[in-house]
Protein backbone atom coordinates (compact mmCIF):
# COMPACT_ATOMS: atom_id res chain seq x y z
CA MET A 1 -1.58 -14.64 18.26
CA ASP A 2 -1.85 -18.78 16.87
CA PHE A 3 -0.82 -17.22 13.36
CA LEU A 4 2.10 -15.46 14.66
CA ASN A 5 3.37 -18.53 16.67
CA LYS A 6 2.93 -20.85 13.28
CA LEU A 7 5.16 -17.76 11.98
CA PHE A 8 7.46 -17.27 14.50
CA GLY A 9 7.89 -19.54 17.36
CA ASN A 10 9.54 -18.12 19.98
CA GLN A 11 10.97 -15.06 17.99
CA GLU A 12 7.98 -12.81 18.10
CA ASN A 13 9.48 -9.87 19.42
CA ASP A 14 12.02 -9.77 16.43
CA PRO A 15 11.31 -6.82 14.02
CA GLU A 16 13.14 -8.33 11.49
CA ASN A 17 10.78 -11.54 11.53
CA TYR A 18 8.14 -9.56 11.05
CA PHE A 19 9.43 -7.55 8.30
CA GLU A 20 10.70 -10.67 6.51
CA GLN A 21 7.37 -12.43 6.98
CA GLY A 22 5.25 -9.09 6.12
CA LYS A 23 7.19 -8.79 3.01
CA LYS A 24 6.68 -12.43 2.18
CA LEU A 25 2.95 -12.52 2.38
CA ILE A 26 2.33 -9.16 0.54
CA LEU A 27 4.40 -10.77 -2.55
CA LYS A 28 2.37 -13.60 -2.07
CA GLY A 29 -0.96 -11.21 -2.12
CA ASP A 30 -2.03 -11.24 1.42
CA LEU A 31 -1.94 -7.61 1.79
CA GLU A 32 -3.73 -7.65 4.75
CA GLU A 33 -2.12 -10.04 6.97
CA GLY A 34 1.20 -8.80 5.40
CA ILE A 35 0.63 -5.22 6.36
CA LYS A 36 -0.48 -6.56 10.13
CA LEU A 37 3.17 -7.75 10.39
CA LEU A 38 4.74 -4.99 8.98
CA ARG A 39 2.62 -2.75 11.39
CA LYS A 40 4.24 -4.94 14.07
CA ALA A 41 7.94 -4.33 12.97
CA ILE A 42 7.32 -0.94 13.15
CA GLY A 43 5.90 -1.13 16.51
CA LEU A 44 8.98 -2.87 17.63
CA TYR A 45 11.42 -0.85 15.74
CA PRO A 46 10.53 2.25 13.98
CA HIS A 47 13.76 2.59 12.07
CA ILE A 48 12.56 -0.37 9.64
CA ILE A 49 10.43 1.99 8.12
CA ASN A 50 13.23 2.75 5.50
CA ARG A 51 13.20 -0.84 4.57
CA ILE A 52 9.41 -0.84 4.18
CA TYR A 53 9.62 2.26 1.99
CA ARG A 54 12.35 0.41 -0.35
CA VAL A 55 9.76 -2.78 -0.97
CA ALA A 56 7.22 -0.31 -1.60
CA ASP A 57 9.59 0.99 -4.22
CA LYS A 58 10.61 -2.34 -5.60
CA LEU A 59 6.84 -3.10 -5.99
CA HIS A 60 6.05 0.10 -7.99
CA ALA A 61 9.13 -0.48 -10.50
CA GLY A 62 8.18 -3.81 -11.17
CA ALA A 63 4.28 -2.44 -11.70
CA ARG A 64 6.01 0.06 -14.14
CA SER A 65 7.78 -2.77 -15.80
CA LYS A 66 5.08 -4.45 -16.59
CA ASN A 67 2.70 -2.09 -17.41
CA LYS A 68 5.20 -0.61 -20.04
CA ALA A 69 5.29 -4.20 -21.40
CA ALA A 70 1.54 -4.06 -21.91
CA GLY A 71 1.52 -0.67 -23.37
CA GLY A 72 0.29 0.92 -20.78
CA ASN A 73 0.65 4.91 -20.03
CA ILE A 74 0.65 6.60 -16.37
CA TYR A 75 -2.65 4.97 -15.88
CA PHE A 76 -1.84 1.47 -15.35
CA SER A 77 -3.28 -1.38 -17.31
CA ASP A 78 -1.19 -4.24 -16.00
CA GLY A 79 1.17 -4.75 -13.01
CA ILE A 80 -1.98 -3.93 -10.63
CA GLY A 81 -1.18 -6.42 -8.12
CA GLU A 82 2.31 -4.64 -7.52
CA LEU A 83 0.57 -1.56 -7.52
CA GLU A 84 -2.20 -1.88 -4.68
CA ALA A 85 0.55 -3.77 -2.71
CA ALA A 86 2.83 -0.53 -2.99
CA ILE A 87 -0.22 1.37 -1.96
CA ALA A 88 -0.76 -0.66 0.73
CA ILE A 89 2.58 -0.32 2.08
CA MET A 90 2.33 3.70 1.73
CA GLU A 91 -0.80 4.20 3.13
CA LEU A 92 0.55 2.24 6.28
CA LEU A 93 3.88 4.58 6.06
CA SER A 94 1.62 7.90 5.99
CA GLU A 95 0.41 6.84 9.08
CA PHE A 96 3.57 6.57 11.05
CA GLU A 97 5.30 9.25 8.96
CA SER A 98 2.21 11.65 8.40
CA ASP A 99 4.80 14.54 8.61
CA LYS A 100 6.87 13.50 5.54
CA ALA A 101 6.25 15.14 2.24
CA ASP A 102 8.21 12.63 0.30
CA VAL A 103 5.58 9.70 1.64
CA TRP A 104 2.73 11.48 0.46
CA PHE A 105 4.11 12.22 -2.99
CA LYS A 106 5.15 8.79 -3.61
CA LEU A 107 1.31 7.84 -2.14
CA GLY A 108 -0.46 10.74 -4.96
CA VAL A 109 1.57 8.95 -7.56
CA LEU A 110 0.76 5.96 -6.35
CA TYR A 111 -2.87 6.72 -6.37
CA ASP A 112 -2.30 8.55 -9.87
CA ASN A 113 -1.40 5.38 -11.42
CA HIS A 114 -4.09 3.24 -10.10
CA CYS A 115 -6.57 5.87 -11.36
CA CYS A 116 -7.66 7.34 -7.81
CA PHE A 117 -8.51 10.88 -8.81
CA ASP A 118 -9.78 12.11 -5.67
CA LYS A 119 -6.85 10.41 -3.30
CA ALA A 120 -4.10 11.27 -5.53
CA VAL A 121 -5.57 15.01 -5.32
CA LYS A 122 -5.42 14.68 -1.45
CA ALA A 123 -1.88 13.09 -1.20
CA TYR A 124 -0.54 15.86 -3.71
CA GLU A 125 -1.99 18.44 -1.51
CA ARG A 126 -0.95 17.34 1.44
CA THR A 127 2.81 17.16 0.26
CA VAL A 128 2.32 20.49 -1.28
CA ASN A 129 1.16 21.56 2.67
CA LEU A 130 4.43 19.88 4.00
CA ASP A 131 6.74 20.97 1.72
CA PRO A 132 5.95 24.31 -0.06
CA GLU A 133 8.92 25.57 -1.11
CA GLY A 134 10.93 22.09 -1.52
CA PRO A 135 11.51 19.81 -4.64
CA ASP A 136 8.46 17.53 -3.51
CA GLY A 137 6.11 20.38 -3.22
CA ALA A 138 7.06 21.26 -6.55
CA ASP A 139 6.64 18.40 -8.28
CA ALA A 140 3.30 17.89 -6.52
CA ARG A 141 2.38 21.06 -8.05
CA GLN A 142 2.93 19.83 -11.47
CA ASN A 143 1.57 16.87 -10.92
CA LEU A 144 -1.89 18.43 -9.50
CA GLY A 145 -1.71 20.89 -12.42
CA ILE A 146 -1.33 17.47 -14.72
CA LEU A 147 -4.47 15.55 -13.27
CA TYR A 148 -6.76 18.85 -13.16
CA SER A 149 -6.15 19.41 -16.45
CA ASN A 150 -6.70 15.67 -17.63
CA LYS A 151 -9.89 16.24 -15.66
CA GLY A 152 -11.11 19.18 -17.31
CA ARG A 153 -10.97 20.78 -14.13
CA ASP A 154 -9.90 24.52 -13.40
CA ILE A 155 -6.50 24.73 -12.31
CA SER A 156 -5.87 28.36 -11.93
CA GLY A 157 -6.17 28.10 -7.81
CA ILE A 158 -3.33 25.79 -7.79
CA LYS A 159 -0.13 27.97 -6.66
């Protein structure tokens, strides 16, 4: 609680403060404390999730830009710090929005970029289960096919 008092003084129940401070900590590389503050912001005001999602998008875009400049491909060789921060945020959001296909798809892409094959497969499979006929499900099936073919696995069971 001392940590929170130092950050907020008497504004500790304001979700905007938790969001801003959590975002700052994440951008500085303190993922653990930053995620704690974002979790608190969501607990106080669940609608802040959309803003947190946008932070993950911006971090992923920054990681893609750094990776591209370094000559990387889908499996990132640069921008790893931003990629890991985006993953941490999306993992948090998947706890609160476990029924949202777009959250699981984004998490799958992030895991895929970070070379976390098994986690990417699970996230894409969850996306397909949540959105079997929709665009996220279709994109997830496509990415699963690419993942399996890149890993030399049998893809005949993917529908």
